[in-house]
Amino acid sequence: MASDSAGQPAANGGDGHKPVTAADIAAQIGGRLIGDGQTILHSVAPLDRAGASDLSFLAHARYGGWFATSKAGAVIMGPAFEALAGTPETRIIVDKPMDAMVSVLARFHRSEPRVVGVHASAVVSPSATLGVGVTIDAGAVIGDQVVIGDGCWIGANAVVSTGSVLGRDVRLHALSTVYPYTELGDRVVLHSGARVGREGFGFVPQANGPVRIPHSGRCVLEQDVEIGANSCVDRGSVDDTIIGAGTKIDNLVQVAHNVRVGRMCFFAAQVGVAGSTRIEDGVQLGGQVGLSGHLTIGARATVAAQAGVFGDIPAGELWSGYPARPHKEQLRSQAALNRLAKIIRPIEQLLKGESST
C-alpha cells in the first residue's frame, strides 16, 4: 500500500492489492520505458498528489507545472512531453496517455467483496425465481413473480418489485428500487438511490381536482445500461419507456414517461427529459440540460451544459444556450449582445447629457 512520509496509508485513489512494476505497465500498454523499470507501483494518483509508489499521467501541457515538482514513481505521458523538465525519472511514453491510463486502472482497482447466496435478513418471495450464482445482500426485498438472472447482485436494502425481470449479471447497489413489472437487460447497473419504473408525473385536471393517469406501459432498460445515483426513470403511461443498450446516465437525472432513448447515449448529471421525447442513438447531453416533451433529438447530436431545448435537434448537430440553438449561432448571438452593450453605453451617456441641458 502507498504511504506518505509519516508511514501512514496514502489517501490516493486506485489503491490496489497487487503492486506492479513500471516495466509491467509499459509492457501492458505498449509504451516505451525511460528510467527504472523495477520501480514498484502500488496505486494511482494525480501528479500533484502522487508519491514514490504511485503511477500518474501527463496528457496536457497545462499540467507541466505539476509534473516539474511531482513525486510520482512513474508517469505515463505523450511523446511531446518526453524531454520535459521534471522530477519523475521513470516515464512511459505512449501516443495516447489518457487511453493508456484508463486501460491500466483495473490493475489497481479494489473490488467490493461479494458472497454468493441470500443473506438471512433478505426477504425473498417464494414465487421469485433466482438464477445461478446470485447474491442478495442484507435487507433486500424480492417481490412476487420476480425473475433474477444468473450472476445478479442485489445490494443491501434494494427492492425488486412484483413481476420485474432482471437479465444476467445485473448489479443493483444498496437502496436502489425496481418498481413492478420493470425489465432490466443483461449487465444493467443501478447505483444507490436510483428508482426505475415508477409511474410518471401524469395527471388530468377535473372539477374535483387532478386525477392521476394510470400507467400501463413498461419501463425497459436494455443491456449494459447504467443509471447513476438518485436518478429516476419513469414507466410509460400508454407507451413504454425504453433506455437503449449501452446508454450511461449520470447522477440526479430524470427521464419521464414514454421517453425513448437510443443506444450508446450519455447523459451528464441533472439532465431532465420530459415525457414522450425521442432521443436517437449516440446523443450526448451535458449537465443540467433540459428537454421539453414530445421532441426528437437526432442521432449523435450533442447538447451543451445548461441548455434548454424546446424544439427538435437535427442529427449530428451541436446546440447550446437558452433557448437552445445551433452552437455557432448561439456564439454569434452572444457576441452581438456583447457588442450591443458597448454601443448602448455611449448612447445612454449622450441622452443623459441632452436631458441635463
Protein backbone atom coordinates (compact mmCIF):
# COMPACT_ATOMS: atom_id res chain seq x y z
CA MET A 1 0.00 0.00 0.00
CA ALA A 2 1.21 3.51 -0.79
CA SER A 3 2.31 5.52 2.25
CA ASP A 4 3.08 9.13 3.00
CA SER A 5 6.26 10.47 4.61
CA ALA A 6 4.90 9.59 8.07
CA GLY A 7 4.37 5.99 7.07
CA GLN A 8 0.58 6.24 7.03
CA PRO A 9 -1.52 4.79 4.21
CA ALA A 10 -1.90 7.23 1.34
CA ALA A 11 -5.33 8.70 0.57
CA ASN A 12 -4.93 8.40 -3.18
CA GLY A 13 -7.47 6.74 -5.41
CA GLY A 14 -6.79 3.39 -7.02
CA ASP A 15 -5.04 1.84 -4.04
CA GLY A 16 -4.82 -1.75 -5.20
CA HIS A 17 -3.79 -5.06 -3.65
CA LYS A 18 -1.16 -6.22 -6.13
CA PRO A 19 1.83 -3.91 -6.72
CA VAL A 20 3.31 -3.93 -10.20
CA THR A 21 6.49 -2.58 -11.74
CA ALA A 22 6.84 0.23 -14.24
CA ALA A 23 8.10 -2.35 -16.73
CA ASP A 24 4.88 -4.36 -16.27
CA ILE A 25 2.81 -1.28 -17.04
CA ALA A 26 4.89 -0.36 -20.09
CA ALA A 27 4.52 -3.89 -21.46
CA GLN A 28 0.75 -3.86 -20.93
CA ILE A 29 0.15 -0.59 -22.78
CA GLY A 30 2.89 -1.00 -25.40
CA GLY A 31 4.75 2.05 -24.10
CA ARG A 32 8.43 2.96 -24.35
CA LEU A 33 10.06 2.90 -20.92
CA ILE A 34 12.54 5.56 -19.81
CA GLY A 35 14.17 5.14 -16.39
CA ASP A 36 13.94 2.38 -13.80
CA GLY A 37 11.63 -0.38 -14.94
CA GLN A 38 11.76 -2.00 -11.50
CA THR A 39 10.01 0.91 -9.81
CA ILE A 40 7.26 -0.63 -7.66
CA LEU A 41 3.82 0.92 -8.08
CA HIS A 42 1.00 0.33 -5.58
CA SER A 43 -1.62 2.87 -6.64
CA VAL A 44 -2.56 5.69 -8.99
CA ALA A 45 -2.76 9.42 -8.23
CA PRO A 46 -2.74 12.83 -9.94
CA LEU A 47 0.63 14.49 -10.46
CA ASP A 48 0.23 16.99 -7.62
CA ARG A 49 -0.54 14.32 -5.01
CA ALA A 50 1.40 11.32 -6.25
CA GLY A 51 4.08 9.72 -4.13
CA ALA A 52 7.04 7.48 -4.89
CA SER A 53 4.88 4.36 -5.27
CA ASP A 54 2.15 5.99 -7.35
CA LEU A 55 1.56 5.86 -11.10
CA SER A 56 0.38 9.12 -12.69
CA PHE A 57 -0.05 10.52 -16.20
CA LEU A 58 0.54 13.70 -18.19
CA ALA A 59 -1.70 14.36 -21.19
CA HIS A 60 -1.82 18.16 -21.43
CA ALA A 61 0.72 20.98 -21.23
CA ARG A 62 -1.37 22.83 -18.64
CA TYR A 63 -0.17 20.30 -16.07
CA GLY A 64 3.51 20.79 -16.86
CA GLY A 65 3.96 22.78 -13.65
CA TRP A 66 2.68 19.89 -11.58
CA PHE A 67 4.97 17.48 -13.44
CA ALA A 68 8.00 19.66 -12.69
CA THR A 69 7.70 19.00 -8.96
CA SER A 70 5.74 15.76 -8.90
CA LYS A 71 6.94 12.93 -6.67
CA ALA A 72 5.26 10.22 -8.79
CA GLY A 73 7.14 6.96 -9.10
CA ALA A 74 6.29 6.69 -12.80
CA VAL A 75 4.36 8.82 -15.28
CA ILE A 76 2.54 7.79 -18.45
CA MET A 77 2.97 10.61 -20.96
CA GLY A 78 2.83 11.55 -24.62
CA PRO A 79 5.89 11.86 -26.88
CA ALA A 80 5.64 15.66 -26.82
CA PHE A 81 6.48 15.67 -23.09
CA GLU A 82 9.26 13.07 -23.16
CA ALA A 83 12.05 15.61 -22.54
CA LEU A 84 10.02 17.88 -20.24
CA ALA A 85 11.91 19.00 -17.16
CA GLY A 86 10.55 17.37 -14.04
CA THR A 87 11.48 15.25 -11.05
CA PRO A 88 9.84 11.97 -12.20
CA GLU A 89 12.61 9.99 -13.89
CA THR A 90 10.63 6.88 -14.79
CA ARG A 91 8.49 7.72 -17.78
CA ILE A 92 6.32 5.57 -20.05
CA ILE A 93 5.84 7.10 -23.49
CA VAL A 94 2.65 6.35 -25.42
CA ASP A 95 0.72 8.18 -28.14
CA LYS A 96 -2.49 8.42 -26.08
CA PRO A 97 -1.64 8.69 -22.37
CA MET A 98 -5.24 9.15 -21.22
CA ASP A 99 -6.40 5.98 -23.00
CA ALA A 100 -3.37 4.12 -21.67
CA MET A 101 -4.06 5.21 -18.11
CA VAL A 102 -7.68 4.05 -18.35
CA SER A 103 -6.51 0.63 -19.55
CA VAL A 104 -4.28 0.08 -16.51
CA LEU A 105 -6.66 1.33 -13.81
CA ALA A 106 -8.18 -2.12 -13.39
CA ARG A 107 -4.84 -3.37 -12.05
CA PHE A 108 -5.18 -1.01 -9.09
CA HIS A 109 -8.93 -1.24 -8.55
CA ARG A 110 -10.19 -2.64 -5.25
CA SER A 111 -13.16 -4.90 -5.87
CA GLU A 112 -16.03 -4.91 -3.39
CA PRO A 113 -16.18 -8.25 -1.55
CA ARG A 114 -19.06 -10.47 -2.57
CA VAL A 115 -20.61 -13.58 -1.06
CA VAL A 116 -22.86 -15.63 -3.33
CA GLY A 117 -26.15 -16.56 -1.68
CA VAL A 118 -29.13 -14.99 0.09
CA HIS A 119 -28.46 -13.09 3.31
CA ALA A 120 -30.53 -14.25 6.29
CA SER A 121 -32.18 -10.82 6.64
CA ALA A 122 -33.25 -10.57 2.99
CA VAL A 123 -36.92 -11.13 2.12
CA VAL A 124 -37.45 -13.23 -0.99
CA SER A 125 -40.91 -14.20 -2.21
CA PRO A 126 -41.43 -17.95 -2.62
CA SER A 127 -42.70 -17.26 -6.14
CA ALA A 128 -39.48 -15.46 -7.20
CA THR A 129 -37.04 -17.26 -9.47
CA LEU A 130 -33.32 -16.87 -8.74
CA GLY A 131 -30.61 -17.83 -11.23
CA VAL A 132 -27.26 -19.46 -10.55
CA GLY A 133 -24.61 -17.54 -8.62
CA VAL A 134 -26.93 -14.81 -7.36
CA THR A 135 -26.04 -12.58 -4.39
CA ILE A 136 -28.79 -10.95 -2.32
CA ASP A 137 -27.40 -8.76 0.45
CA ALA A 138 -28.82 -7.83 3.84
CA GLY A 139 -32.29 -6.30 3.94
CA ALA A 140 -33.02 -6.65 0.22
CA VAL A 141 -36.62 -7.37 -0.79
CA ILE A 142 -37.53 -9.54 -3.79
CA GLY A 143 -41.23 -9.46 -4.70
CA ASP A 144 -43.69 -11.95 -6.15
CA GLN A 145 -43.06 -13.45 -9.60
CA VAL A 146 -39.71 -11.69 -9.90
CA VAL A 147 -37.15 -13.33 -12.18
CA ILE A 148 -33.46 -12.72 -11.42
CA GLY A 149 -30.91 -13.99 -13.91
CA ASP A 150 -27.61 -15.76 -13.31
CA GLY A 151 -24.86 -13.82 -11.60
CA CYS A 152 -27.00 -10.89 -10.42
CA TRP A 153 -26.01 -8.98 -7.31
CA ILE A 154 -28.76 -7.26 -5.31
CA GLY A 155 -27.32 -4.82 -2.78
CA ALA A 156 -28.34 -4.12 0.79
CA ASN A 157 -31.92 -2.83 1.20
CA ALA A 158 -32.50 -2.79 -2.56
CA VAL A 159 -36.03 -3.61 -3.72
CA VAL A 160 -37.11 -5.59 -6.79
CA SER A 161 -40.87 -5.34 -7.00
CA THR A 162 -43.57 -7.67 -8.29
CA GLY A 163 -43.24 -9.12 -11.77
CA SER A 164 -39.92 -7.49 -12.63
CA VAL A 165 -37.39 -9.36 -14.75
CA LEU A 166 -33.62 -9.00 -14.46
CA GLY A 167 -31.19 -10.41 -17.02
CA ARG A 168 -27.75 -11.85 -16.30
CA ASP A 169 -25.12 -10.10 -14.15
CA VAL A 170 -27.34 -7.18 -13.20
CA ARG A 171 -25.95 -5.09 -10.32
CA LEU A 172 -28.34 -3.23 -8.05
CA HIS A 173 -26.44 -1.17 -5.49
CA ALA A 174 -27.72 -0.53 -1.99
CA LEU A 175 -31.08 1.25 -1.65
CA SER A 176 -31.92 1.16 -5.36
CA THR A 177 -35.51 0.36 -6.31
CA VAL A 178 -37.01 -1.51 -9.24
CA TYR A 179 -40.76 -0.83 -9.41
CA PRO A 180 -43.26 -3.51 -10.52
CA TYR A 181 -43.10 -5.05 -13.99
CA THR A 182 -39.83 -3.41 -14.94
CA GLU A 183 -37.40 -5.17 -17.28
CA LEU A 184 -33.61 -4.89 -16.94
CA GLY A 185 -31.32 -6.40 -19.57
CA ASP A 186 -28.01 -8.15 -19.03
CA ARG A 187 -25.33 -6.24 -17.08
CA VAL A 188 -27.56 -3.30 -16.19
CA VAL A 189 -26.24 -1.30 -13.22
CA LEU A 190 -28.38 0.78 -10.85
CA HIS A 191 -26.44 2.90 -8.37
CA SER A 192 -27.62 3.73 -4.88
CA GLY A 193 -30.91 5.57 -4.71
CA ALA A 194 -31.80 5.00 -8.36
CA ARG A 195 -35.52 4.42 -8.96
CA VAL A 196 -36.70 2.85 -12.20
CA GLY A 197 -40.22 2.00 -13.31
CA ARG A 198 -42.22 4.37 -11.10
CA GLU A 199 -45.39 5.94 -12.50
CA GLY A 200 -44.74 9.19 -14.31
CA PHE A 201 -45.97 12.68 -13.46
CA GLY A 202 -49.27 12.35 -15.32
CA PHE A 203 -52.48 13.99 -14.14
CA VAL A 204 -55.74 15.13 -15.77
CA PRO A 205 -57.40 18.26 -14.29
CA GLN A 206 -61.01 17.64 -13.32
CA ALA A 207 -63.68 19.54 -11.39
CA ASN A 208 -62.80 17.87 -8.11
CA GLY A 209 -59.05 18.17 -8.64
CA PRO A 210 -56.28 16.45 -10.59
CA VAL A 211 -56.71 12.75 -11.32
CA ARG A 212 -53.70 10.53 -11.85
CA ILE A 213 -53.40 8.82 -15.23
CA PRO A 214 -52.98 5.04 -14.78
CA HIS A 215 -49.64 3.98 -16.24
CA SER A 216 -49.99 0.73 -18.16
CA GLY A 217 -46.69 0.96 -20.10
CA ARG A 218 -43.44 -0.69 -19.12
CA CYS A 219 -40.00 0.56 -18.18
CA VAL A 220 -37.33 -1.31 -20.13
CA LEU A 221 -33.58 -0.88 -19.67
CA GLU A 222 -31.69 -2.78 -22.35
CA GLN A 223 -28.32 -4.49 -21.85
CA ASP A 224 -25.33 -2.59 -20.44
CA VAL A 225 -27.37 0.43 -19.34
CA GLU A 226 -26.08 2.23 -16.24
CA ILE A 227 -28.21 4.53 -14.09
CA GLY A 228 -26.46 6.88 -11.66
CA ALA A 229 -27.18 7.52 -8.00
CA ASN A 230 -30.56 9.12 -7.21
CA SER A 231 -31.66 9.15 -10.84
CA CYS A 232 -35.21 8.23 -11.88
CA VAL A 233 -36.64 6.60 -14.98
CA ASP A 234 -40.45 6.54 -15.14
CA ARG A 235 -42.53 3.78 -16.68
CA GLY A 236 -44.73 4.56 -19.66
CA SER A 237 -48.35 5.61 -19.45
CA VAL A 238 -49.74 4.32 -22.76
CA ASP A 239 -46.35 3.57 -24.32
CA ASP A 240 -43.14 2.05 -22.95
CA THR A 241 -40.19 3.99 -21.58
CA ILE A 242 -37.09 2.44 -23.14
CA ILE A 243 -33.41 3.13 -22.47
CA GLY A 244 -31.30 1.71 -25.31
CA ALA A 245 -28.37 -0.66 -24.96
CA GLY A 246 -25.12 0.79 -23.67
CA THR A 247 -26.59 4.12 -22.59
CA LYS A 248 -24.98 5.67 -19.49
CA ILE A 249 -26.95 8.03 -17.26
CA ASP A 250 -25.23 10.06 -14.54
CA ASN A 251 -26.47 11.02 -11.07
CA LEU A 252 -29.61 13.09 -10.39
CA VAL A 253 -31.17 12.63 -13.84
CA GLN A 254 -34.92 12.48 -14.52
CA VAL A 255 -36.31 10.60 -17.51
CA ALA A 256 -40.10 10.96 -17.77
CA HIS A 257 -42.79 8.59 -19.01
CA ASN A 258 -42.91 7.33 -22.62
CA VAL A 259 -39.40 8.58 -23.39
CA ARG A 260 -37.40 6.52 -25.89
CA VAL A 261 -33.60 6.74 -25.59
CA GLY A 262 -31.41 5.12 -28.23
CA ARG A 263 -28.21 3.11 -27.96
CA MET A 264 -24.92 4.43 -26.53
CA CYS A 265 -26.24 7.78 -25.30
CA PHE A 266 -24.58 9.73 -22.47
CA PHE A 267 -26.47 11.96 -20.03
CA ALA A 268 -24.48 14.05 -17.55
CA ALA A 269 -25.74 14.95 -14.08
CA GLN A 270 -29.02 16.81 -13.53
CA VAL A 271 -30.39 16.29 -17.03
CA GLY A 272 -34.19 16.40 -17.26
CA VAL A 273 -36.12 14.79 -20.12
CA ALA A 274 -39.85 15.49 -20.35
CA GLY A 275 -42.41 12.95 -21.49
CA SER A 276 -42.65 11.31 -24.92
CA THR A 277 -39.35 12.73 -26.17
CA ARG A 278 -37.37 10.60 -28.63
CA ILE A 279 -33.58 10.58 -28.28
CA GLU A 280 -31.79 8.72 -31.03
CA ASP A 281 -28.53 6.73 -30.91
CA GLY A 282 -25.31 8.31 -29.69
CA VAL A 283 -26.77 11.55 -28.29
CA GLN A 284 -24.76 13.36 -25.59
CA LEU A 285 -26.46 15.69 -23.11
CA GLY A 286 -24.32 17.93 -20.90
CA GLY A 287 -25.02 18.66 -17.25
CA GLN A 288 -28.34 20.33 -16.40
CA VAL A 289 -29.70 20.11 -19.94
CA GLY A 290 -33.48 20.29 -20.03
CA LEU A 291 -35.55 18.79 -22.86
CA SER A 292 -39.24 19.65 -23.14
CA GLY A 293 -41.74 16.99 -24.12
CA HIS A 294 -42.56 15.37 -27.47
CA LEU A 295 -39.24 16.35 -29.10
CA THR A 296 -36.90 14.40 -31.35
CA ILE A 297 -33.15 14.67 -30.76
CA GLY A 298 -31.34 13.30 -33.81
CA ALA A 299 -28.62 10.66 -33.73
CA ARG A 300 -25.18 11.76 -32.50
CA ALA A 301 -26.41 15.24 -31.59
CA THR A 302 -24.70 16.99 -28.67
CA VAL A 303 -26.37 19.45 -26.31
CA ALA A 304 -24.06 21.62 -24.20
CA ALA A 305 -24.45 22.03 -20.45
CA GLN A 306 -27.43 24.00 -19.10
CA ALA A 307 -29.11 24.28 -22.50
CA GLY A 308 -32.89 24.50 -22.56
CA VAL A 309 -34.31 22.65 -25.56
CA PHE A 310 -37.79 23.46 -26.87
CA GLY A 311 -37.59 22.15 -30.44
CA ASP A 312 -36.26 19.21 -32.41
CA ILE A 313 -32.50 18.95 -32.97
CA PRO A 314 -31.23 17.51 -36.27
CA ALA A 315 -28.82 14.59 -36.26
CA GLY A 316 -25.15 15.30 -35.63
CA GLU A 317 -25.52 18.94 -34.58
CA LEU A 318 -24.13 20.74 -31.52
CA TRP A 319 -26.64 23.01 -29.75
CA SER A 320 -26.27 25.24 -26.71
CA GLY A 321 -27.85 28.10 -24.77
CA TYR A 322 -31.31 29.05 -23.58
CA PRO A 323 -33.37 28.69 -25.59
CA ALA A 324 -31.08 26.19 -27.30
CA ARG A 325 -29.95 26.85 -30.85
CA PRO A 326 -27.05 25.68 -33.04
CA HIS A 327 -23.85 26.39 -31.11
CA LYS A 328 -22.25 28.69 -33.70
CA GLU A 329 -25.46 30.68 -33.92
CA GLN A 330 -25.54 30.92 -30.13
CA LEU A 331 -21.96 32.23 -30.08
CA ARG A 332 -22.72 34.84 -32.74
CA SER A 333 -25.78 35.94 -30.79
CA GLN A 334 -23.80 36.29 -27.58
CA ALA A 335 -21.07 38.23 -29.36
CA ALA A 336 -23.68 40.58 -30.82
CA LEU A 337 -25.13 41.22 -27.37
CA ASN A 338 -21.68 41.99 -26.02
CA ARG A 339 -21.07 44.48 -28.83
CA LEU A 340 -24.53 45.99 -28.30
CA ALA A 341 -23.70 46.70 -24.66
CA LYS A 342 -20.67 48.74 -25.74
CA ILE A 343 -22.79 50.69 -28.23
CA ILE A 344 -25.60 51.41 -25.79
CA ARG A 345 -23.36 52.88 -23.10
CA PRO A 346 -22.25 56.00 -25.07
CA ILE A 347 -25.83 56.44 -26.35
CA GLU A 348 -27.09 56.44 -22.76
CA GLN A 349 -24.44 58.98 -21.81
CA LEU A 350 -25.37 61.15 -24.78
CA LEU A 351 -29.06 61.03 -23.88
CA LYS A 352 -28.24 61.82 -20.28
CA GLY A 353 -26.26 64.88 -21.41
CA GLU A 354 -29.11 66.09 -23.60
CA SER A 355 -31.64 65.71 -20.82
CA SER A 356 -29.48 67.71 -18.43
CA THR A 357 -29.42 70.66 -20.87
